[in-house]
Structures are given as structure tokens and as C-alpha cells.
N, C-alpha and C. Protein backbone atom coordinates (compact mmCIF):
# COMPACT_ATOMS: atom_id res chain seq x y z
N UNK A 1 -1.17 82.75 -52.90
CA UNK A 1 -1.96 82.27 -51.79
C UNK A 1 -1.71 83.16 -50.57
N UNK A 2 -2.62 83.09 -49.63
CA UNK A 2 -2.47 83.88 -48.40
C UNK A 2 -1.46 83.20 -47.47
N UNK A 3 -0.85 83.99 -46.60
CA UNK A 3 0.11 83.40 -45.64
C UNK A 3 -0.54 82.32 -44.77
N UNK A 4 -1.81 82.50 -44.42
CA UNK A 4 -2.49 81.52 -43.59
C UNK A 4 -2.65 80.19 -44.34
N UNK A 5 -3.09 80.24 -45.56
CA UNK A 5 -3.27 79.01 -46.35
C UNK A 5 -1.93 78.34 -46.58
N UNK A 6 -0.90 79.14 -46.89
CA UNK A 6 0.45 78.59 -47.06
C UNK A 6 0.90 77.85 -45.80
N UNK A 7 0.63 78.45 -44.64
CA UNK A 7 1.03 77.83 -43.38
C UNK A 7 0.26 76.53 -43.12
N UNK A 8 -1.02 76.50 -43.46
CA UNK A 8 -1.82 75.28 -43.28
C UNK A 8 -1.26 74.14 -44.12
N UNK A 9 -0.82 74.47 -45.32
CA UNK A 9 -0.22 73.46 -46.21
C UNK A 9 1.14 73.03 -45.65
N UNK A 10 1.95 74.01 -45.24
CA UNK A 10 3.28 73.71 -44.70
C UNK A 10 3.21 72.83 -43.46
N UNK A 11 2.19 73.05 -42.63
CA UNK A 11 2.01 72.26 -41.41
C UNK A 11 1.34 70.90 -41.70
N UNK A 12 1.09 70.63 -42.97
CA UNK A 12 0.44 69.38 -43.40
C UNK A 12 -0.95 69.21 -42.79
N UNK A 13 -1.65 70.32 -42.62
CA UNK A 13 -3.01 70.26 -42.08
C UNK A 13 -4.04 70.15 -43.19
N UNK A 14 -3.70 70.60 -44.38
CA UNK A 14 -4.58 70.44 -45.55
C UNK A 14 -3.75 70.01 -46.74
N UNK A 15 -4.40 69.29 -47.64
CA UNK A 15 -3.73 68.87 -48.88
C UNK A 15 -4.14 69.80 -50.01
N UNK A 16 -3.42 69.72 -51.09
CA UNK A 16 -3.78 70.51 -52.27
C UNK A 16 -5.15 70.12 -52.78
N UNK A 17 -5.49 68.85 -52.68
CA UNK A 17 -6.81 68.37 -53.14
C UNK A 17 -7.92 68.97 -52.27
N UNK A 18 -7.72 68.98 -50.96
CA UNK A 18 -8.71 69.56 -50.06
C UNK A 18 -8.85 71.06 -50.33
N UNK A 19 -7.74 71.71 -50.55
CA UNK A 19 -7.75 73.13 -50.87
C UNK A 19 -8.51 73.40 -52.15
N UNK A 20 -8.31 72.57 -53.14
CA UNK A 20 -9.02 72.70 -54.41
C UNK A 20 -10.52 72.50 -54.23
N UNK A 21 -10.90 71.49 -53.44
CA UNK A 21 -12.32 71.24 -53.17
C UNK A 21 -12.96 72.45 -52.47
N UNK A 22 -12.26 73.00 -51.49
CA UNK A 22 -12.78 74.16 -50.76
C UNK A 22 -12.88 75.38 -51.68
N UNK A 23 -11.92 75.56 -52.56
CA UNK A 23 -11.98 76.69 -53.50
C UNK A 23 -13.17 76.56 -54.43
N UNK A 24 -13.44 75.35 -54.88
CA UNK A 24 -14.60 75.13 -55.75
C UNK A 24 -15.90 75.47 -55.02
N UNK A 25 -15.99 75.09 -53.77
CA UNK A 25 -17.18 75.39 -52.98
C UNK A 25 -17.27 76.88 -52.64
N UNK A 26 -16.13 77.53 -52.54
CA UNK A 26 -16.08 78.94 -52.17
C UNK A 26 -16.80 79.82 -53.19
N UNK A 27 -16.78 79.44 -54.44
CA UNK A 27 -17.42 80.22 -55.49
C UNK A 27 -18.90 80.43 -55.19
N UNK A 28 -19.59 79.39 -54.80
CA UNK A 28 -21.02 79.51 -54.51
C UNK A 28 -21.31 79.93 -53.08
N UNK A 29 -20.40 79.61 -52.17
CA UNK A 29 -20.66 79.85 -50.75
C UNK A 29 -20.36 81.28 -50.33
N UNK A 30 -19.46 81.94 -51.02
CA UNK A 30 -19.07 83.32 -50.68
C UNK A 30 -18.60 83.43 -49.23
N UNK A 31 -17.77 82.48 -48.81
CA UNK A 31 -17.20 82.46 -47.47
C UNK A 31 -15.69 82.43 -47.59
N UNK A 32 -14.99 82.85 -46.54
CA UNK A 32 -13.53 82.76 -46.58
C UNK A 32 -13.08 81.30 -46.69
N UNK A 33 -11.99 81.11 -47.38
CA UNK A 33 -11.48 79.76 -47.62
C UNK A 33 -11.19 79.01 -46.33
N UNK A 34 -10.58 79.67 -45.37
CA UNK A 34 -10.25 78.99 -44.11
C UNK A 34 -11.52 78.55 -43.37
N UNK A 35 -12.59 79.32 -43.48
CA UNK A 35 -13.86 78.94 -42.85
C UNK A 35 -14.44 77.69 -43.52
N UNK A 36 -14.34 77.62 -44.83
CA UNK A 36 -14.84 76.45 -45.55
C UNK A 36 -14.02 75.20 -45.24
N UNK A 37 -12.71 75.36 -45.06
CA UNK A 37 -11.87 74.21 -44.72
C UNK A 37 -12.32 73.58 -43.40
N UNK A 38 -12.74 74.42 -42.46
CA UNK A 38 -13.25 73.92 -41.18
C UNK A 38 -14.62 73.29 -41.38
N UNK A 39 -15.52 74.00 -42.07
CA UNK A 39 -16.88 73.49 -42.30
C UNK A 39 -16.88 72.14 -43.01
N UNK A 40 -15.95 71.98 -43.94
CA UNK A 40 -15.89 70.75 -44.73
C UNK A 40 -15.18 69.62 -43.97
N UNK A 41 -14.70 69.93 -42.77
CA UNK A 41 -14.07 68.90 -41.94
C UNK A 41 -12.63 68.59 -42.31
N UNK A 42 -12.01 69.45 -43.11
CA UNK A 42 -10.63 69.20 -43.51
C UNK A 42 -9.64 69.58 -42.42
N UNK A 43 -9.98 70.58 -41.61
CA UNK A 43 -9.14 70.96 -40.48
C UNK A 43 -10.02 71.23 -39.27
N UNK A 44 -9.42 71.11 -38.10
CA UNK A 44 -10.14 71.43 -36.87
C UNK A 44 -10.01 72.92 -36.61
N UNK A 45 -11.03 73.50 -36.00
CA UNK A 45 -11.01 74.91 -35.69
C UNK A 45 -9.83 75.25 -34.77
N UNK A 46 -9.51 74.35 -33.85
CA UNK A 46 -8.39 74.56 -32.93
C UNK A 46 -7.07 74.68 -33.69
N UNK A 47 -6.90 73.83 -34.72
CA UNK A 47 -5.68 73.88 -35.53
C UNK A 47 -5.61 75.18 -36.32
N UNK A 48 -6.75 75.62 -36.83
CA UNK A 48 -6.80 76.89 -37.55
C UNK A 48 -6.40 78.04 -36.64
N UNK A 49 -6.89 78.03 -35.42
CA UNK A 49 -6.57 79.08 -34.46
C UNK A 49 -5.08 79.08 -34.14
N UNK A 50 -4.52 77.90 -33.90
CA UNK A 50 -3.09 77.81 -33.58
C UNK A 50 -2.22 78.32 -34.72
N UNK A 51 -2.54 77.91 -35.94
CA UNK A 51 -1.75 78.35 -37.09
C UNK A 51 -1.95 79.84 -37.33
N UNK A 52 -3.18 80.32 -37.18
CA UNK A 52 -3.44 81.76 -37.35
C UNK A 52 -2.64 82.58 -36.34
N UNK A 53 -2.60 82.11 -35.10
CA UNK A 53 -1.84 82.82 -34.07
C UNK A 53 -0.36 82.89 -34.43
N UNK A 54 0.16 81.80 -34.97
CA UNK A 54 1.56 81.77 -35.35
C UNK A 54 1.82 82.70 -36.54
N UNK A 55 0.97 82.63 -37.55
CA UNK A 55 1.15 83.44 -38.76
C UNK A 55 1.06 84.93 -38.46
N UNK A 56 0.08 85.30 -37.64
CA UNK A 56 -0.16 86.71 -37.37
C UNK A 56 0.49 87.20 -36.07
N UNK A 57 1.33 86.32 -35.48
CA UNK A 57 2.08 86.66 -34.27
C UNK A 57 1.18 87.21 -33.16
N UNK A 58 0.13 86.45 -32.88
CA UNK A 58 -0.85 86.83 -31.86
C UNK A 58 -0.92 85.74 -30.80
N UNK A 59 -1.04 86.12 -29.54
CA UNK A 59 -1.15 85.10 -28.49
C UNK A 59 -2.53 84.46 -28.48
N UNK A 60 -2.59 83.26 -27.96
CA UNK A 60 -3.86 82.57 -27.75
C UNK A 60 -4.14 82.55 -26.26
N UNK A 61 -5.30 83.00 -25.87
CA UNK A 61 -5.70 83.00 -24.47
C UNK A 61 -6.87 82.06 -24.27
N UNK A 62 -6.85 81.32 -23.20
CA UNK A 62 -7.99 80.50 -22.81
C UNK A 62 -8.77 81.32 -21.79
N UNK A 63 -9.88 81.89 -22.20
CA UNK A 63 -10.65 82.77 -21.33
C UNK A 63 -11.19 82.05 -20.09
N UNK A 64 -11.28 80.74 -20.16
CA UNK A 64 -11.72 79.98 -18.99
C UNK A 64 -10.66 79.96 -17.89
N UNK A 65 -9.42 80.24 -18.26
CA UNK A 65 -8.33 80.22 -17.30
C UNK A 65 -7.89 81.61 -16.87
N UNK A 66 -8.46 82.63 -17.46
CA UNK A 66 -8.10 84.01 -17.13
C UNK A 66 -8.96 84.51 -15.97
N UNK A 67 -8.41 85.39 -15.17
CA UNK A 67 -9.17 85.99 -14.08
C UNK A 67 -9.39 87.46 -14.38
N UNK A 68 -10.50 87.96 -13.93
CA UNK A 68 -10.85 89.36 -14.14
C UNK A 68 -10.59 90.13 -12.86
N UNK A 69 -9.90 91.23 -12.98
CA UNK A 69 -9.61 92.08 -11.84
C UNK A 69 -10.94 92.63 -11.30
N UNK A 70 -11.17 92.46 -10.01
CA UNK A 70 -12.43 92.91 -9.42
C UNK A 70 -12.64 94.41 -9.57
N UNK A 71 -11.55 95.18 -9.63
CA UNK A 71 -11.67 96.62 -9.84
C UNK A 71 -12.28 96.93 -11.20
N UNK A 72 -11.97 96.10 -12.18
CA UNK A 72 -12.54 96.29 -13.52
C UNK A 72 -14.03 96.01 -13.51
N UNK A 73 -14.44 95.03 -12.75
CA UNK A 73 -15.87 94.69 -12.66
C UNK A 73 -16.63 95.83 -11.99
N UNK A 74 -16.04 96.44 -11.00
CA UNK A 74 -16.68 97.54 -10.30
C UNK A 74 -16.89 98.73 -11.24
N UNK A 75 -15.99 98.94 -12.18
CA UNK A 75 -16.11 100.03 -13.14
C UNK A 75 -17.31 99.84 -14.06
N UNK A 76 -17.63 98.59 -14.36
CA UNK A 76 -18.73 98.28 -15.26
C UNK A 76 -20.08 98.45 -14.54
N UNK A 77 -20.12 98.12 -13.28
CA UNK A 77 -21.37 98.14 -12.53
C UNK A 77 -21.94 99.52 -12.35
């Protein structure tokens, strides 16, 4: 299994049964397993993002709380 799926199971966000259901649907859907878990309502997108950030050692930023340097905006204009 992938490190992300392993982490979702370890965090008790998905069950083996839910994982099996998503894998069965994945055959016809041709979508990533984690995407199907969200679509099927087994996990929330926010939980997937948090676990993904932890697994891949990436920070999570809330862009609504970030400020843009005005000098950067001037460069774009």
C-alpha cells in the first residue's frame, strides 16, 4: 500500500472495508484511490490534506490568512 493510504488507516480515518469498496470502484473510475475515498464520503478532504502534509512533510498554508508583499504585486503589473 502507499504511505498515504497506510497513514489514513493508522489515523483511523478509513476502514479496511471502505478501502476495499473504493478499490472496487477504482477499477472502473480510473481515479486515484485517495480521491475516491473523498468522493465516496469516507473521508473529508480536510483530513486528507492534513494526513498528506504529515506523510510528505509539507506545510499547510491557509491562503486566506497569508499576505502578499506589495513589491511582488508591482512586479506582476
